[in-house]
């Protein structure tokens, strides 16, 4: 008996398994507590005479003193044009910076701490 040559059908291509989308996670509502400012930052400090020439003689918190110094720097264009991290001193800031002509902005807080009591 002669066998007939039969063509085998190609197996159907398997479809790529569709990735299941993860169900969106439910957000748990956290109870927000009112943010309390740190008392150490809010304590009014008296500026030294050299610092008072720049920001005024009134007692104020350390955070406000930094804001006023930056306001003075921006108003007078004392930030270095090429290296924005450096602050160029004018006559008032030169006395505050201890005679240095240029100071890094990261040293500003350290310098201010010496002039606030």
PDB file of N, CA and C in Angstrom:
ATOM      1  N   UNK A   1       0.815  -1.168   0.000  1.00  0.00           N
ATOM      2  CA  UNK A   1       0.000   0.000   0.000  1.00  0.00           C
ATOM      3  C   UNK A   1       0.866   1.240   0.000  1.00  0.00           C
ATOM      4  N   UNK A   2       0.541   2.058  -0.802  1.00  0.00           N
ATOM      5  CA  UNK A   2       1.292   3.282  -0.934  1.00  0.00           C
ATOM      6  C   UNK A   2       0.672   4.341  -0.050  1.00  0.00           C
ATOM      7  N   UNK A   3       1.516   4.931   0.657  1.00  0.00           N
ATOM      8  CA  UNK A   3       1.010   5.985   1.539  1.00  0.00           C
ATOM      9  C   UNK A   3       1.042   7.279   0.784  1.00  0.00           C
ATOM     10  N   UNK A   4      -0.020   8.024   1.011  1.00  0.00           N
ATOM     11  CA  UNK A   4      -0.082   9.337   0.397  1.00  0.00           C
ATOM     12  C   UNK A   4       0.743  10.315   1.222  1.00  0.00           C
ATOM     13  N   UNK A   5       1.477  11.098   0.524  1.00  0.00           N
ATOM     14  CA  UNK A   5       2.228  12.132   1.222  1.00  0.00           C
ATOM     15  C   UNK A   5       1.254  13.245   1.554  1.00  0.00           C
ATOM     16  N   UNK A   6       1.120  13.500   2.804  1.00  0.00           N
ATOM     17  CA  UNK A   6       0.212  14.564   3.204  1.00  0.00           C
ATOM     18  C   UNK A   6       1.019  15.757   3.694  1.00  0.00           C
ATOM     19  N   UNK A   7       0.505  16.872   3.346  1.00  0.00           N
ATOM     20  CA  UNK A   7       1.156  18.091   3.799  1.00  0.00           C
ATOM     21  C   UNK A   7       0.716  18.363   5.217  1.00  0.00           C
ATOM     22  N   UNK A   8       1.682  18.678   6.033  1.00  0.00           N
ATOM     23  CA  UNK A   8       1.333  19.038   7.402  1.00  0.00           C
ATOM     24  C   UNK A   8       1.031  20.525   7.423  1.00  0.00           C
ATOM     25  N   UNK A   9      -0.027  20.817   8.130  1.00  0.00           N
ATOM     26  CA  UNK A   9      -0.350  22.226   8.286  1.00  0.00           C
ATOM     27  C   UNK A   9       0.605  22.824   9.308  1.00  0.00           C
ATOM     28  N   UNK A  10       1.030  24.032   9.011  1.00  0.00           N
ATOM     29  CA  UNK A  10       1.904  24.722   9.962  1.00  0.00           C
ATOM     30  C   UNK A  10       1.092  25.037  11.199  1.00  0.00           C
ATOM     31  N   UNK A  11       1.710  24.853  12.321  1.00  0.00           N
ATOM     32  CA  UNK A  11       1.013  25.145  13.569  1.00  0.00           C
ATOM     33  C   UNK A  11       0.716  26.635  13.609  1.00  0.00           C
ATOM     34  N   UNK A  12      -0.482  26.993  14.083  1.00  0.00           N
ATOM     35  CA  UNK A  12      -0.819  28.414  14.138  1.00  0.00           C
ATOM     36  C   UNK A  12       0.155  29.150  15.060  1.00  0.00           C
ATOM     37  N   UNK A  13       0.520  30.349  14.637  1.00  0.00           N
ATOM     38  CA  UNK A  13       1.452  31.138  15.441  1.00  0.00           C
ATOM     39  C   UNK A  13       0.782  31.526  16.743  1.00  0.00           C
ATOM     40  N   UNK A  14       1.564  31.400  17.795  1.00  0.00           N
ATOM     41  CA  UNK A  14       1.020  31.774  19.097  1.00  0.00           C
ATOM     42  C   UNK A  14       1.071  33.288  19.222  1.00  0.00           C
ATOM     43  N   UNK A  15       0.000  33.803  19.696  1.00  0.00           N
ATOM     44  CA  UNK A  15      -0.027  35.250  19.913  1.00  0.00           C
ATOM     45  C   UNK A  15       0.765  35.555  21.171  1.00  0.00           C
ATOM     46  N   UNK A  16       1.460  36.651  21.119  1.00  0.00           N
ATOM     47  CA  UNK A  16       2.218  37.061  22.295  1.00  0.00           C
ATOM     48  C   UNK A  16       1.231  37.305  23.420  1.00  0.00           C
ATOM     49  N   UNK A  17       1.551  36.748  24.540  1.00  0.00           N
ATOM     50  CA  UNK A  17       0.646  36.890  25.677  1.00  0.00           C
ATOM     51  C   UNK A  17       0.538  38.368  26.036  1.00  0.00           C
ATOM     52  N   UNK A  18      -0.681  38.840  26.080  1.00  0.00           N
ATOM     53  CA  UNK A  18      -0.899  40.242  26.417  1.00  0.00           C
ATOM     54  C   UNK A  18      -0.542  40.444  27.879  1.00  0.00           C
ATOM     55  N   UNK A  19       0.246  41.481  28.103  1.00  0.00           N
ATOM     56  CA  UNK A  19       0.615  41.764  29.487  1.00  0.00           C
ATOM     57  C   UNK A  19      -0.583  42.327  30.211  1.00  0.00           C
ATOM     58  N   UNK A  20      -0.795  41.764  31.360  1.00  0.00           N
ATOM     59  CA  UNK A  20      -1.914  42.263  32.161  1.00  0.00           C
ATOM     60  C   UNK A  20      -1.484  43.541  32.846  1.00  0.00           C
ATOM     61  N   UNK A  21      -2.348  44.499  32.784  1.00  0.00           N
ATOM     62  CA  UNK A  21      -2.053  45.745  33.485  1.00  0.00           C
ATOM     63  C   UNK A  21      -2.401  45.543  34.944  1.00  0.00           C
ATOM     64  N   UNK A  22      -1.473  45.960  35.779  1.00  0.00           N
ATOM     65  CA  UNK A  22      -1.716  45.835  37.207  1.00  0.00           C
ATOM     66  C   UNK A  22      -2.819  46.799  37.599  1.00  0.00           C
ATOM     67  N   UNK A  23      -3.645  46.344  38.456  1.00  0.00           N
ATOM     68  CA  UNK A  23      -4.729  47.205  38.924  1.00  0.00           C
ATOM     69  C   UNK A  23      -4.105  48.388  39.649  1.00  0.00           C
ATOM     70  N   UNK A  24      -4.616  49.578  39.399  1.00  0.00           N
ATOM     71  CA  UNK A  24      -4.032  50.738  40.066  1.00  0.00           C
ATOM     72  C   UNK A  24      -4.145  50.589  41.585  1.00  0.00           C
ATOM     73  N   UNK A  25      -3.034  50.925  42.224  1.00  0.00           N
ATOM     74  CA  UNK A  25      -3.018  50.808  43.681  1.00  0.00           C
ATOM     75  C   UNK A  25      -3.865  51.916  44.278  1.00  0.00           C
ATOM     76  N   UNK A  26      -4.586  51.537  45.266  1.00  0.00           N
ATOM     77  CA  UNK A  26      -5.427  52.526  45.930  1.00  0.00           C
ATOM     78  C   UNK A  26      -4.549  53.382  46.827  1.00  0.00           C
ATOM     79  N   UNK A  27      -4.733  54.658  46.708  1.00  0.00           N
ATOM     80  CA  UNK A  27      -3.976  55.569  47.541  1.00  0.00           C
ATOM     81  C   UNK A  27      -4.656  55.675  48.891  1.00  0.00           C
ATOM     82  N   UNK A  28      -3.877  55.465  49.882  1.00  0.00           N
ATOM     83  CA  UNK A  28      -4.399  55.576  51.235  1.00  0.00           C
ATOM     84  C   UNK A  28      -4.258  57.027  51.655  1.00  0.00           C
ATOM     85  N   UNK A  29      -5.351  57.616  52.001  1.00  0.00           N
ATOM     86  CA  UNK A  29      -5.326  59.021  52.398  1.00  0.00           C
ATOM     87  C   UNK A  29      -4.672  59.130  53.770  1.00  0.00           C
ATOM     88  N   UNK A  30      -3.519  59.805  53.778  1.00  0.00           N
ATOM     89  CA  UNK A  30      -2.838  60.017  55.046  1.00  0.00           C
ATOM     90  C   UNK A  30      -3.361  61.300  55.659  1.00  0.00           C
ATOM     91  N   UNK A  31      -3.470  61.259  56.924  1.00  0.00           N
ATOM     92  CA  UNK A  31      -3.935  62.446  57.628  1.00  0.00           C
ATOM     93  C   UNK A  31      -2.750  63.401  57.740  1.00  0.00           C
ATOM     94  N   UNK A  32      -2.867  64.548  57.090  1.00  0.00           N
ATOM     95  CA  UNK A  32      -1.776  65.517  57.110  1.00  0.00           C
ATOM     96  C   UNK A  32      -1.816  66.295  58.417  1.00  0.00           C
ATOM     97  N   UNK A  33      -0.669  66.319  59.051  1.00  0.00           N
ATOM     98  CA  UNK A  33      -0.589  67.116  60.261  1.00  0.00           C
ATOM     99  C   UNK A  33      -0.031  68.476  59.875  1.00  0.00           C
ATOM    100  N   UNK A  34      -0.431  69.474  60.585  1.00  0.00           N
ATOM    101  CA  UNK A  34       0.047  70.820  60.290  1.00  0.00           C
ATOM    102  C   UNK A  34       1.547  70.863  60.555  1.00  0.00           C
ATOM    103  N   UNK A  35       2.286  71.409  59.615  1.00  0.00           N
ATOM    104  CA  UNK A  35       3.732  71.472  59.750  1.00  0.00           C
ATOM    105  C   UNK A  35       4.093  72.540  60.762  1.00  0.00           C
ATOM    106  N   UNK A  36       4.901  72.154  61.716  1.00  0.00           N
ATOM    107  CA  UNK A  36       5.290  73.083  62.769  1.00  0.00           C
ATOM    108  C   UNK A  36       6.694  73.608  62.476  1.00  0.00           C
ATOM    109  N   UNK A  37       6.876  74.911  62.470  1.00  0.00           N
ATOM    110  CA  UNK A  37       8.223  75.443  62.235  1.00  0.00           C
ATOM    111  C   UNK A  37       9.130  75.143  63.425  1.00  0.00           C
ATOM    112  N   UNK A  38      10.391  74.947  63.139  1.00  0.00           N
ATOM    113  CA  UNK A  38      11.374  74.677  64.177  1.00  0.00           C
ATOM    114  C   UNK A  38      11.588  75.966  64.983  1.00  0.00           C
ATOM    115  N   UNK A  39      11.460  75.852  66.275  1.00  0.00           N
ATOM    116  CA  UNK A  39      11.568  77.027  67.141  1.00  0.00           C
ATOM    117  C   UNK A  39      12.947  77.683  67.059  1.00  0.00           C
ATOM    118  N   UNK A  40      13.973  76.893  66.804  1.00  0.00           N
ATOM    119  CA  UNK A  40      15.322  77.446  66.719  1.00  0.00           C
ATOM    120  C   UNK A  40      15.458  78.395  65.529  1.00  0.00           C
ATOM    121  N   UNK A  41      14.762  78.111  64.444  1.00  0.00           N
ATOM    122  CA  UNK A  41      14.834  78.979  63.271  1.00  0.00           C
ATOM    123  C   UNK A  41      13.993  80.239  63.454  1.00  0.00           C
ATOM    124  N   UNK A  42      12.989  80.178  64.283  1.00  0.00           N
ATOM    125  CA  UNK A  42      12.075  81.304  64.456  1.00  0.00           C
ATOM    126  C   UNK A  42      12.519  82.270  65.555  1.00  0.00           C
ATOM    127  N   UNK A  43      13.560  81.902  66.287  1.00  0.00           N
ATOM    128  CA  UNK A  43      14.029  82.753  67.378  1.00  0.00           C
ATOM    129  C   UNK A  43      14.634  84.034  66.807  1.00  0.00           C
ATOM    130  N   UNK A  44      14.180  85.172  67.310  1.00  0.00           N
ATOM    131  CA  UNK A  44      14.698  86.460  66.844  1.00  0.00           C
ATOM    132  C   UNK A  44      16.105  86.667  67.387  1.00  0.00           C
ATOM    133  N   UNK A  45      17.016  87.026  66.494  1.00  0.00           N
ATOM    134  CA  UNK A  45      18.413  87.248  66.861  1.00  0.00           C
ATOM    135  C   UNK A  45      18.813  88.669  66.492  1.00  0.00           C
ATOM    136  N   UNK A  46      19.698  89.220  67.286  1.00  0.00           N
ATOM    137  CA  UNK A  46      20.162  90.591  67.046  1.00  0.00           C
ATOM    138  C   UNK A  46      21.377  90.558  66.129  1.00  0.00           C
ATOM    139  N   UNK A  47      21.357  91.335  65.049  1.00  0.00           N
ATOM    140  CA  UNK A  47      22.512  91.361  64.139  1.00  0.00           C
ATOM    141  C   UNK A  47      23.642  92.222  64.709  1.00  0.00           C
ATOM    142  N   UNK A  48      24.874  91.899  64.327  1.00  0.00           N
ATOM    143  CA  UNK A  48      26.019  92.710  64.739  1.00  0.00           C
ATOM    144  C   UNK A  48      25.960  94.044  63.981  1.00  0.00           C
ATOM    145  N   UNK A  49      26.849  94.955  64.329  1.00  0.00           N
ATOM    146  CA  UNK A  49      26.857  96.283  63.699  1.00  0.00           C
ATOM    147  C   UNK A  49      27.150  96.181  62.191  1.00  0.00           C
ATOM    148  N   UNK A  50      28.074  95.306  61.803  1.00  0.00           N
ATOM    149  CA  UNK A  50      28.409  95.178  60.384  1.00  0.00           C
ATOM    150  C   UNK A  50      27.255  94.564  59.589  1.00  0.00           C
ATOM    151  N   UNK A  51      26.570  93.592  60.181  1.00  0.00           N
ATOM    152  CA  UNK A  51      25.419  92.986  59.515  1.00  0.00           C
ATOM    153  C   UNK A  51      24.242  93.960  59.492  1.00  0.00           C
ATOM    154  N   UNK A  52      24.110  94.764  60.542  1.00  0.00           N
ATOM    155  CA  UNK A  52      23.028  95.754  60.608  1.00  0.00           C
ATOM    156  C   UNK A  52      23.169  96.803  59.499  1.00  0.00           C
ATOM    157  N   UNK A  53      24.379  97.069  59.032  1.00  0.00           N
ATOM    158  CA  UNK A  53      24.574  98.002  57.909  1.00  0.00           C
ATOM    159  C   UNK A  53      23.927  97.477  56.632  1.00  0.00           C
ATOM    160  N   UNK A  54      23.830  96.164  56.520  1.00  0.00           N
ATOM    161  CA  UNK A  54      23.294  95.560  55.303  1.00  0.00           C
ATOM    162  C   UNK A  54      21.796  95.287  55.414  1.00  0.00           C
ATOM    163  N   UNK A  55      21.368  94.683  56.547  1.00  0.00           N
ATOM    164  CA  UNK A  55      19.965  94.234  56.647  1.00  0.00           C
ATOM    165  C   UNK A  55      19.112  95.045  57.614  1.00  0.00           C
ATOM    166  N   UNK A  56      19.709  95.949  58.360  1.00  0.00           N
ATOM    167  CA  UNK A  56      18.952  96.735  59.329  1.00  0.00           C
ATOM    168  C   UNK A  56      19.232  96.252  60.740  1.00  0.00           C
ATOM    169  N   UNK A  57      18.877  97.091  61.722  1.00  0.00           N
ATOM    170  CA  UNK A  57      19.234  96.812  63.109  1.00  0.00           C
ATOM    171  C   UNK A  57      18.177  96.025  63.869  1.00  0.00           C
ATOM    172  N   UNK A  58      17.028  95.756  63.278  1.00  0.00           N
ATOM    173  CA  UNK A  58      15.970  95.040  63.987  1.00  0.00           C
ATOM    174  C   UNK A  58      16.334  93.577  64.204  1.00  0.00           C
ATOM    175  N   UNK A  59      15.890  93.035  65.350  1.00  0.00           N
ATOM    176  CA  UNK A  59      16.084  91.604  65.598  1.00  0.00           C
ATOM    177  C   UNK A  59      15.180  90.824  64.666  1.00  0.00           C
ATOM    178  N   UNK A  60      15.702  89.746  64.117  1.00  0.00           N
ATOM    179  CA  UNK A  60      14.923  88.947  63.182  1.00  0.00           C
ATOM    180  C   UNK A  60      15.440  87.520  63.187  1.00  0.00           C
ATOM    181  N   UNK A  61      14.606  86.554  62.762  1.00  0.00           N
ATOM    182  CA  UNK A  61      15.051  85.151  62.715  1.00  0.00           C
ATOM    183  C   UNK A  61      16.148  84.943  61.681  1.00  0.00           C
ATOM    184  N   UNK A  62      16.898  83.889  61.862  1.00  0.00           N
ATOM    185  CA  UNK A  62      18.016  83.567  60.969  1.00  0.00           C
ATOM    186  C   UNK A  62      17.549  83.430  59.520  1.00  0.00           C
ATOM    187  N   UNK A  63      16.376  82.822  59.312  1.00  0.00           N
ATOM    188  CA  UNK A  63      15.869  82.624  57.951  1.00  0.00           C
ATOM    189  C   UNK A  63      15.601  83.959  57.267  1.00  0.00           C
ATOM    190  N   UNK A  64      15.064  84.907  58.004  1.00  0.00           N
ATOM    191  CA  UNK A  64      14.797  86.231  57.433  1.00  0.00           C
ATOM    192  C   UNK A  64      16.096  86.973  57.139  1.00  0.00           C
ATOM    193  N   UNK A  65      17.107  86.769  57.990  1.00  0.00           N
ATOM    194  CA  UNK A  65      18.401  87.422  57.757  1.00  0.00           C
ATOM    195  C   UNK A  65      19.010  86.928  56.445  1.00  0.00           C
ATOM    196  N   UNK A  66      18.911  85.625  56.185  1.00  0.00           N
ATOM    197  CA  UNK A  66      19.440  85.065  54.937  1.00  0.00           C
ATOM    198  C   UNK A  66      18.660  85.621  53.745  1.00  0.00           C
ATOM    199  N   UNK A  67      17.341  85.731  53.878  1.00  0.00           N
ATOM    200  CA  UNK A  67      16.522  86.288  52.791  1.00  0.00           C
ATOM    201  C   UNK A  67      16.917  87.730  52.493  1.00  0.00           C
ATOM    202  N   UNK A  68      17.149  88.516  53.550  1.00  0.00           N
ATOM    203  CA  UNK A  68      17.514  89.918  53.344  1.00  0.00           C
ATOM    204  C   UNK A  68      18.896  90.053  52.708  1.00  0.00           C
ATOM    205  N   UNK A  69      19.826  89.196  53.117  1.00  0.00           N
ATOM    206  CA  UNK A  69      21.159  89.224  52.509  1.00  0.00           C
ATOM    207  C   UNK A  69      21.043  88.906  51.022  1.00  0.00           C
ATOM    208  N   UNK A  70      20.256  87.868  50.673  1.00  0.00           N
ATOM    209  CA  UNK A  70      20.095  87.513  49.264  1.00  0.00           C
ATOM    210  C   UNK A  70      19.377  88.617  48.495  1.00  0.00           C
ATOM    211  N   UNK A  71      18.429  89.279  49.135  1.00  0.00           N
ATOM    212  CA  UNK A  71      17.771  90.415  48.498  1.00  0.00           C
ATOM    213  C   UNK A  71      18.761  91.514  48.178  1.00  0.00           C
ATOM    214  N   UNK A  72      19.673  91.786  49.108  1.00  0.00           N
ATOM    215  CA  UNK A  72      20.701  92.800  48.906  1.00  0.00           C
ATOM    216  C   UNK A  72      21.650  92.390  47.768  1.00  0.00           C
ATOM    217  N   UNK A  73      22.031  91.113  47.758  1.00  0.00           N
ATOM    218  CA  UNK A  73      22.952  90.612  46.727  1.00  0.00           C
ATOM    219  C   UNK A  73      22.313  90.722  45.345  1.00  0.00           C
ATOM    220  N   UNK A  74      21.067  90.324  45.227  1.00  0.00           N
ATOM    221  CA  UNK A  74      20.372  90.362  43.926  1.00  0.00           C
ATOM    222  C   UNK A  74      20.129  91.807  43.478  1.00  0.00           C
ATOM    223  N   UNK A  75      19.728  92.662  44.436  1.00  0.00           N
ATOM    224  CA  UNK A  75      19.429  94.062  44.116  1.00  0.00           C
ATOM    225  C   UNK A  75      20.655  94.784  43.566  1.00  0.00           C
ATOM    226  N   UNK A  76      21.818  94.482  44.144  1.00  0.00           N
ATOM    227  CA  UNK A  76      23.048  95.151  43.739  1.00  0.00           C
ATOM    228  C   UNK A  76      23.854  94.373  42.701  1.00  0.00           C
ATOM    229  N   UNK A  77      23.341  93.231  42.240  1.00  0.00           N
ATOM    230  CA  UNK A  77      24.019  92.449  41.205  1.00  0.00           C
ATOM    231  C   UNK A  77      25.386  91.945  41.634  1.00  0.00           C
ATOM    232  N   UNK A  78      25.478  91.417  42.835  1.00  0.00           N
ATOM    233  CA  UNK A  78      26.777  91.010  43.370  1.00  0.00           C
ATOM    234  C   UNK A  78      27.105  89.545  43.126  1.00  0.00           C
ATOM    235  N   UNK A  79      26.191  88.807  42.507  1.00  0.00           N
ATOM    236  CA  UNK A  79      26.485  87.417  42.192  1.00  0.00           C
ATOM    237  C   UNK A  79      27.413  87.393  40.985  1.00  0.00           C
ATOM    238  N   UNK A  80      28.459  86.584  41.034  1.00  0.00           N
ATOM    239  CA  UNK A  80      29.434  86.530  39.951  1.00  0.00           C
ATOM    240  C   UNK A  80      28.754  86.086  38.662  1.00  0.00           C
ATOM    241  N   UNK A  81      29.080  86.724  37.558  1.00  0.00           N
ATOM    242  CA  UNK A  81      28.410  86.437  36.277  1.00  0.00           C
ATOM    243  C   UNK A  81      28.802  85.071  35.715  1.00  0.00           C
ATOM    244  N   UNK A  82      30.072  84.703  35.835  1.00  0.00           N
ATOM    245  CA  UNK A  82      30.521  83.425  35.280  1.00  0.00           C
ATOM    246  C   UNK A  82      30.244  82.262  36.223  1.00  0.00           C
ATOM    247  N   UNK A  83      30.606  82.406  37.474  1.00  0.00           N
ATOM    248  CA  UNK A  83      30.405  81.350  38.465  1.00  0.00           C
ATOM    249  C   UNK A  83      29.336  81.833  39.443  1.00  0.00           C
ATOM    250  N   UNK A  84      28.100  81.440  39.216  1.00  0.00           N
ATOM    251  CA  UNK A  84      26.959  81.964  39.975  1.00  0.00           C
ATOM    252  C   UNK A  84      26.989  81.560  41.456  1.00  0.00           C
ATOM    253  N   UNK A  85      27.856  80.641  41.819  1.00  0.00           N
ATOM    254  CA  UNK A  85      27.957  80.221  43.216  1.00  0.00           C
ATOM    255  C   UNK A  85      28.755  81.205  44.055  1.00  0.00           C
ATOM    256  N   UNK A  86      29.446  82.105  43.407  1.00  0.00           N
ATOM    257  CA  UNK A  86      30.292  83.046  44.128  1.00  0.00           C
ATOM    258  C   UNK A  86      29.604  84.403  44.268  1.00  0.00           C
ATOM    259  N   UNK A  87      29.840  85.037  45.400  1.00  0.00           N
ATOM    260  CA  UNK A  87      29.269  86.349  45.688  1.00  0.00           C
ATOM    261  C   UNK A  87      30.422  87.343  45.760  1.00  0.00           C
ATOM    262  N   UNK A  88      30.352  88.381  44.942  1.00  0.00           N
ATOM    263  CA  UNK A  88      31.366  89.432  44.953  1.00  0.00           C
ATOM    264  C   UNK A  88      30.989  90.447  46.020  1.00  0.00           C
ATOM    265  N   UNK A  89      31.956  90.873  46.797  1.00  0.00           N
ATOM    266  CA  UNK A  89      31.689  91.789  47.905  1.00  0.00           C
ATOM    267  C   UNK A  89      31.802  93.240  47.452  1.00  0.00           C
ATOM    268  N   UNK A  90      30.842  94.054  47.912  1.00  0.00           N
ATOM    269  CA  UNK A  90      30.979  95.503  47.751  1.00  0.00           C
ATOM    270  C   UNK A  90      31.522  96.025  49.083  1.00  0.00           C
ATOM    271  N   UNK A  91      31.469  97.320  49.306  1.00  0.00           N
ATOM    272  CA  UNK A  91      32.059  97.898  50.528  1.00  0.00           C
ATOM    273  C   UNK A  91      31.396  97.350  51.793  1.00  0.00           C
ATOM    274  N   UNK A  92      30.052  97.248  51.792  1.00  0.00           N
ATOM    275  CA  UNK A  92      29.345  96.768  52.979  1.00  0.00           C
ATOM    276  C   UNK A  92      29.617  95.282  53.224  1.00  0.00           C
ATOM    277  N   UNK A  93      29.553  94.484  52.160  1.00  0.00           N
ATOM    278  CA  UNK A  93      29.738  93.039  52.323  1.00  0.00           C
ATOM    279  C   UNK A  93      31.195  92.672  52.578  1.00  0.00           C
ATOM    280  N   UNK A  94      32.122  93.502  52.131  1.00  0.00           N
ATOM    281  CA  UNK A  94      33.540  93.239  52.370  1.00  0.00           C
ATOM    282  C   UNK A  94      33.827  93.208  53.868  1.00  0.00           C
ATOM    283  N   UNK A  95      33.232  94.140  54.604  1.00  0.00           N
ATOM    284  CA  UNK A  95      33.405  94.156  56.064  1.00  0.00           C
ATOM    285  C   UNK A  95      32.738  92.930  56.682  1.00  0.00           C
ATOM    286  N   UNK A  96      31.603  92.545  56.138  1.00  0.00           N
ATOM    287  CA  UNK A  96      30.868  91.392  56.654  1.00  0.00           C
ATOM    288  C   UNK A  96      31.627  90.092  56.384  1.00  0.00           C
ATOM    289  N   UNK A  97      32.275  90.006  55.237  1.00  0.00           N
ATOM    290  CA  UNK A  97      32.999  88.795  54.836  1.00  0.00           C
ATOM    291  C   UNK A  97      34.411  88.732  55.407  1.00  0.00           C
ATOM    292  N   UNK A  98      34.764  89.655  56.247  1.00  0.00           N
ATOM    293  CA  UNK A  98      36.086  89.628  56.865  1.00  0.00           C
ATOM    294  C   UNK A  98      37.200  90.038  55.923  1.00  0.00           C
ATOM    295  N   UNK A  99      36.921  90.957  54.999  1.00  0.00           N
ATOM    296  CA  UNK A  99      37.934  91.469  54.087  1.00  0.00           C
ATOM    297  C   UNK A  99      38.082  90.678  52.799  1.00  0.00           C
ATOM    298  N   UNK A 100      37.324  89.590  52.642  1.00  0.00           N
ATOM    299  CA  UNK A 100      37.411  88.803  51.410  1.00  0.00           C
ATOM    300  C   UNK A 100      36.630  89.493  50.298  1.00  0.00           C
ATOM    301  N   UNK A 101      37.156  89.448  49.087  1.00  0.00           N
ATOM    302  CA  UNK A 101      36.475  90.067  47.952  1.00  0.00           C
ATOM    303  C   UNK A 101      35.415  89.161  47.342  1.00  0.00           C
ATOM    304  N   UNK A 102      35.553  87.849  47.548  1.00  0.00           N
ATOM    305  CA  UNK A 102      34.609  86.903  46.979  1.00  0.00           C
ATOM    306  C   UNK A 102      34.403  85.744  47.943  1.00  0.00           C
ATOM    307  N   UNK A 103      33.139  85.341  48.094  1.00  0.00           N
ATOM    308  CA  UNK A 103      32.784  84.272  49.024  1.00  0.00           C
ATOM    309  C   UNK A 103      31.814  83.334  48.320  1.00  0.00           C
ATOM    310  N   UNK A 104      31.898  82.046  48.631  1.00  0.00           N
ATOM    311  CA  UNK A 104      30.964  81.071  48.077  1.00  0.00           C
ATOM    312  C   UNK A 104      29.614  81.210  48.778  1.00  0.00           C
ATOM    313  N   UNK A 105      28.541  80.970  48.035  1.00  0.00           N
ATOM    314  CA  UNK A 105      27.211  81.076  48.638  1.00  0.00           C
ATOM    315  C   UNK A 105      27.013  80.049  49.747  1.00  0.00           C
ATOM    316  N   UNK A 106      27.786  78.963  49.703  1.00  0.00           N
ATOM    317  CA  UNK A 106      27.650  77.936  50.723  1.00  0.00           C
ATOM    318  C   UNK A 106      28.292  78.360  52.042  1.00  0.00           C
ATOM    319  N   UNK A 107      29.193  79.320  51.977  1.00  0.00           N
ATOM    320  CA  UNK A 107      29.820  79.847  53.190  1.00  0.00           C
ATOM    321  C   UNK A 107      28.991  80.963  53.815  1.00  0.00           C
ATOM    322  N   UNK A 108      27.964  81.396  53.136  1.00  0.00           N
ATOM    323  CA  UNK A 108      27.174  82.538  53.596  1.00  0.00           C
ATOM    324  C   UNK A 108      26.517  82.275  54.956  1.00  0.00           C
ATOM    325  N   UNK A 109      25.956  81.097  55.150  1.00  0.00           N
ATOM    326  CA  UNK A 109      25.296  80.780  56.426  1.00  0.00           C
ATOM    327  C   UNK A 109      26.306  80.764  57.565  1.00  0.00           C
ATOM    328  N   UNK A 110      27.502  80.258  57.295  1.00  0.00           N
ATOM    329  CA  UNK A 110      28.545  80.221  58.322  1.00  0.00           C
ATOM    330  C   UNK A 110      28.975  81.632  58.703  1.00  0.00           C
ATOM    331  N   UNK A 111      29.078  82.501  57.711  1.00  0.00           N
ATOM    332  CA  UNK A 111      29.467  83.896  57.974  1.00  0.00           C
ATOM    333  C   UNK A 111      28.362  84.598  58.767  1.00  0.00           C
ATOM    334  N   UNK A 112      27.114  84.369  58.389  1.00  0.00           N
ATOM    335  CA  UNK A 112      26.003  85.013  59.087  1.00  0.00           C
ATOM    336  C   UNK A 112      25.902  84.556  60.536  1.00  0.00           C
ATOM    337  N   UNK A 113      26.212  83.301  60.808  1.00  0.00           N
ATOM    338  CA  UNK A 113      26.096  82.790  62.167  1.00  0.00           C
ATOM    339  C   UNK A 113      27.047  83.521  63.120  1.00  0.00           C
ATOM    340  N   UNK A 114      28.167  84.013  62.600  1.00  0.00           N
ATOM    341  CA  UNK A 114      29.098  84.770  63.425  1.00  0.00           C
ATOM    342  C   UNK A 114      28.563  86.155  63.766  1.00  0.00           C
ATOM    343  N   UNK A 115      27.632  86.660  62.951  1.00  0.00           N
ATOM    344  CA  UNK A 115      27.138  88.025  63.132  1.00  0.00           C
ATOM    345  C   UNK A 115      25.725  88.090  63.730  1.00  0.00           C
ATOM    346  N   UNK A 116      25.163  86.943  64.077  1.00  0.00           N
ATOM    347  CA  UNK A 116      23.840  86.922  64.729  1.00  0.00           C
ATOM    348  C   UNK A 116      23.969  86.361  66.136  1.00  0.00           C
ATOM    349  N   UNK A 117      23.446  87.082  67.102  1.00  0.00           N
ATOM    350  CA  UNK A 117      23.488  86.625  68.505  1.00  0.00           C
ATOM    351  C   UNK A 117      22.104  86.695  69.099  1.00  0.00           C
TER     352      UNK A 117
END
